[in-house]
């Protein structure tokens, strides 16, 4: 079963200079109309980002390509790199509400289910 507490992000390789020996705090904001209702929704995932290690890079690239095939993956190591983001929280905003989700609820949101 794939991990749902982390997401893979394809980023320009110039981002590599951002990382030293530590993860970097990050926020990934996704927003737009809901496919079901057409109403605006924003989900901001917060956590820590780090490069995918060399030992996991091949498997991560295959996993990424299965879901989002893109020719940019052919540039891994030169123009592009894969990052992994460990999810700590999410903020869901709609026209009517704003909800802060903890780690368990955030990963449930990513997996499309509930955490038990």
C-alpha atoms as a PDB file:
ATOM      1  CA  UNK A   1       0.000   0.000   0.000  1.00  0.00           C
ATOM      2  CA  UNK A   2       1.478   3.412  -0.927  1.00  0.00           C
ATOM      3  CA  UNK A   3       2.257   5.837   1.853  1.00  0.00           C
ATOM      4  CA  UNK A   4      -0.349   8.526   2.203  1.00  0.00           C
ATOM      5  CA  UNK A   5       1.545  10.702   4.672  1.00  0.00           C
ATOM      6  CA  UNK A   6       3.861  11.838   1.892  1.00  0.00           C
ATOM      7  CA  UNK A   7       3.294  13.244  -1.550  1.00  0.00           C
ATOM      8  CA  UNK A   8       5.712  13.406  -4.444  1.00  0.00           C
ATOM      9  CA  UNK A   9       6.379  16.771  -6.070  1.00  0.00           C
ATOM     10  CA  UNK A  10       8.201  17.286  -9.360  1.00  0.00           C
ATOM     11  CA  UNK A  11      10.256  20.473  -9.039  1.00  0.00           C
ATOM     12  CA  UNK A  12      12.888  22.358 -11.058  1.00  0.00           C
ATOM     13  CA  UNK A  13      16.399  21.213 -10.149  1.00  0.00           C
ATOM     14  CA  UNK A  14      17.366  24.764  -9.093  1.00  0.00           C
ATOM     15  CA  UNK A  15      15.414  23.985  -5.898  1.00  0.00           C
ATOM     16  CA  UNK A  16      18.203  21.575  -4.894  1.00  0.00           C
ATOM     17  CA  UNK A  17      20.229  24.509  -3.561  1.00  0.00           C
ATOM     18  CA  UNK A  18      17.506  25.045  -0.948  1.00  0.00           C
ATOM     19  CA  UNK A  19      18.298  21.807   0.862  1.00  0.00           C
ATOM     20  CA  UNK A  20      21.208  21.245   3.196  1.00  0.00           C
ATOM     21  CA  UNK A  21      21.189  18.468   5.735  1.00  0.00           C
ATOM     22  CA  UNK A  22      17.659  19.268   6.918  1.00  0.00           C
ATOM     23  CA  UNK A  23      14.125  19.150   5.575  1.00  0.00           C
ATOM     24  CA  UNK A  24      12.563  22.457   4.575  1.00  0.00           C
ATOM     25  CA  UNK A  25       9.169  23.607   5.867  1.00  0.00           C
ATOM     26  CA  UNK A  26       6.743  23.988   2.976  1.00  0.00           C
ATOM     27  CA  UNK A  27       3.116  24.562   2.087  1.00  0.00           C
ATOM     28  CA  UNK A  28       1.463  23.200  -1.047  1.00  0.00           C
ATOM     29  CA  UNK A  29      -1.735  25.055  -1.920  1.00  0.00           C
ATOM     30  CA  UNK A  30      -4.244  23.563  -4.345  1.00  0.00           C
ATOM     31  CA  UNK A  31      -7.296  25.596  -5.239  1.00  0.00           C
ATOM     32  CA  UNK A  32     -10.025  25.787  -7.817  1.00  0.00           C
ATOM     33  CA  UNK A  33     -13.579  24.692  -8.479  1.00  0.00           C
ATOM     34  CA  UNK A  34     -14.749  21.435  -6.906  1.00  0.00           C
ATOM     35  CA  UNK A  35     -15.428  18.777  -9.554  1.00  0.00           C
ATOM     36  CA  UNK A  36     -18.676  17.849  -7.795  1.00  0.00           C
ATOM     37  CA  UNK A  37     -20.238  21.250  -7.156  1.00  0.00           C
ATOM     38  CA  UNK A  38     -18.206  23.739  -9.157  1.00  0.00           C
ATOM     39  CA  UNK A  39     -17.739  25.828  -5.998  1.00  0.00           C
ATOM     40  CA  UNK A  40     -14.312  27.198  -5.111  1.00  0.00           C
ATOM     41  CA  UNK A  41     -12.239  25.221  -2.620  1.00  0.00           C
ATOM     42  CA  UNK A  42      -8.660  25.566  -1.383  1.00  0.00           C
ATOM     43  CA  UNK A  43      -6.603  22.876   0.330  1.00  0.00           C
ATOM     44  CA  UNK A  44      -3.201  23.872   1.718  1.00  0.00           C
ATOM     45  CA  UNK A  45      -1.003  21.009   2.901  1.00  0.00           C
ATOM     46  CA  UNK A  46       1.738  21.941   5.347  1.00  0.00           C
ATOM     47  CA  UNK A  47       4.768  19.876   6.233  1.00  0.00           C
ATOM     48  CA  UNK A  48       8.399  19.289   5.392  1.00  0.00           C
ATOM     49  CA  UNK A  49      10.008  18.758   2.003  1.00  0.00           C
ATOM     50  CA  UNK A  50      13.191  16.869   1.190  1.00  0.00           C
ATOM     51  CA  UNK A  51      14.712  15.435  -1.975  1.00  0.00           C
ATOM     52  CA  UNK A  52      13.893  11.804  -2.701  1.00  0.00           C
ATOM     53  CA  UNK A  53      17.046   9.839  -1.857  1.00  0.00           C
ATOM     54  CA  UNK A  54      19.015   8.054  -4.562  1.00  0.00           C
ATOM     55  CA  UNK A  55      17.976   4.635  -3.228  1.00  0.00           C
ATOM     56  CA  UNK A  56      14.274   5.458  -3.673  1.00  0.00           C
ATOM     57  CA  UNK A  57      14.484   7.669  -6.766  1.00  0.00           C
ATOM     58  CA  UNK A  58      13.701   4.978  -9.359  1.00  0.00           C
ATOM     59  CA  UNK A  59      10.686   3.612  -7.481  1.00  0.00           C
ATOM     60  CA  UNK A  60       9.431   7.146  -6.776  1.00  0.00           C
ATOM     61  CA  UNK A  61       9.736   8.108 -10.459  1.00  0.00           C
ATOM     62  CA  UNK A  62       7.777   5.006 -11.496  1.00  0.00           C
ATOM     63  CA  UNK A  63       5.080   5.743  -8.916  1.00  0.00           C
ATOM     64  CA  UNK A  64       4.870   9.354 -10.108  1.00  0.00           C
ATOM     65  CA  UNK A  65       4.721   8.290 -13.790  1.00  0.00           C
ATOM     66  CA  UNK A  66       1.887   5.833 -13.113  1.00  0.00           C
ATOM     67  CA  UNK A  67      -0.306   8.646 -11.841  1.00  0.00           C
ATOM     68  CA  UNK A  68       1.044  11.608 -13.825  1.00  0.00           C
ATOM     69  CA  UNK A  69       3.011  10.560 -16.913  1.00  0.00           C
ATOM     70  CA  UNK A  70       4.992  13.568 -18.101  1.00  0.00           C
ATOM     71  CA  UNK A  71       8.053  13.926 -20.316  1.00  0.00           C
ATOM     72  CA  UNK A  72       9.604  16.104 -17.578  1.00  0.00           C
ATOM     73  CA  UNK A  73      10.439  12.866 -15.727  1.00  0.00           C
ATOM     74  CA  UNK A  74      13.023  12.199 -18.464  1.00  0.00           C
ATOM     75  CA  UNK A  75      14.887  15.259 -17.143  1.00  0.00           C
ATOM     76  CA  UNK A  76      15.312  13.916 -13.599  1.00  0.00           C
ATOM     77  CA  UNK A  77      18.799  14.750 -12.412  1.00  0.00           C
ATOM     78  CA  UNK A  78      19.339  17.526 -14.936  1.00  0.00           C
ATOM     79  CA  UNK A  79      16.360  19.890 -15.177  1.00  0.00           C
ATOM     80  CA  UNK A  80      14.024  18.294 -12.658  1.00  0.00           C
ATOM     81  CA  UNK A  81      14.065  16.535  -9.292  1.00  0.00           C
ATOM     82  CA  UNK A  82      11.553  14.636  -7.200  1.00  0.00           C
ATOM     83  CA  UNK A  83      10.776  15.922  -3.743  1.00  0.00           C
ATOM     84  CA  UNK A  84       8.848  14.163  -1.017  1.00  0.00           C
ATOM     85  CA  UNK A  85       6.610  16.155   1.261  1.00  0.00           C
ATOM     86  CA  UNK A  86       5.760  14.760   4.689  1.00  0.00           C
ATOM     87  CA  UNK A  87       2.286  16.025   5.532  1.00  0.00           C
ATOM     88  CA  UNK A  88       1.735  17.499   8.997  1.00  0.00           C
ATOM     89  CA  UNK A  89      -1.544  19.364   8.508  1.00  0.00           C
ATOM     90  CA  UNK A  90      -3.995  20.705   5.980  1.00  0.00           C
ATOM     91  CA  UNK A  91      -6.220  23.754   5.861  1.00  0.00           C
ATOM     92  CA  UNK A  92      -9.421  23.378   3.840  1.00  0.00           C
ATOM     93  CA  UNK A  93     -11.192  26.594   2.848  1.00  0.00           C
ATOM     94  CA  UNK A  94     -14.491  27.013   1.073  1.00  0.00           C
ATOM     95  CA  UNK A  95     -16.771  29.989   0.561  1.00  0.00           C
ATOM     96  CA  UNK A  96     -18.376  29.246   3.921  1.00  0.00           C
ATOM     97  CA  UNK A  97     -15.797  27.638   6.182  1.00  0.00           C
ATOM     98  CA  UNK A  98     -12.148  27.126   7.057  1.00  0.00           C
ATOM     99  CA  UNK A  99     -11.049  23.914   8.782  1.00  0.00           C
ATOM    100  CA  UNK A 100      -7.619  22.941  10.114  1.00  0.00           C
ATOM    101  CA  UNK A 101      -6.954  19.195   9.814  1.00  0.00           C
ATOM    102  CA  UNK A 102      -4.370  17.381  11.918  1.00  0.00           C
ATOM    103  CA  UNK A 103      -1.900  14.877  10.461  1.00  0.00           C
ATOM    104  CA  UNK A 104      -4.261  11.884  10.598  1.00  0.00           C
ATOM    105  CA  UNK A 105      -7.154  13.755   8.960  1.00  0.00           C
ATOM    106  CA  UNK A 106      -4.812  15.291   6.374  1.00  0.00           C
ATOM    107  CA  UNK A 107      -3.505  11.897   5.301  1.00  0.00           C
ATOM    108  CA  UNK A 108      -7.088  10.582   5.223  1.00  0.00           C
ATOM    109  CA  UNK A 109      -7.931  13.435   2.864  1.00  0.00           C
ATOM    110  CA  UNK A 110      -5.042  12.395   0.601  1.00  0.00           C
ATOM    111  CA  UNK A 111      -6.079   8.750   0.607  1.00  0.00           C
ATOM    112  CA  UNK A 112      -9.740   9.543   0.069  1.00  0.00           C
ATOM    113  CA  UNK A 113     -10.849   7.739   3.235  1.00  0.00           C
ATOM    114  CA  UNK A 114     -10.939   8.023   6.962  1.00  0.00           C
ATOM    115  CA  UNK A 115      -8.105   7.244   9.369  1.00  0.00           C
ATOM    116  CA  UNK A 116      -9.003   4.574  11.928  1.00  0.00           C
END
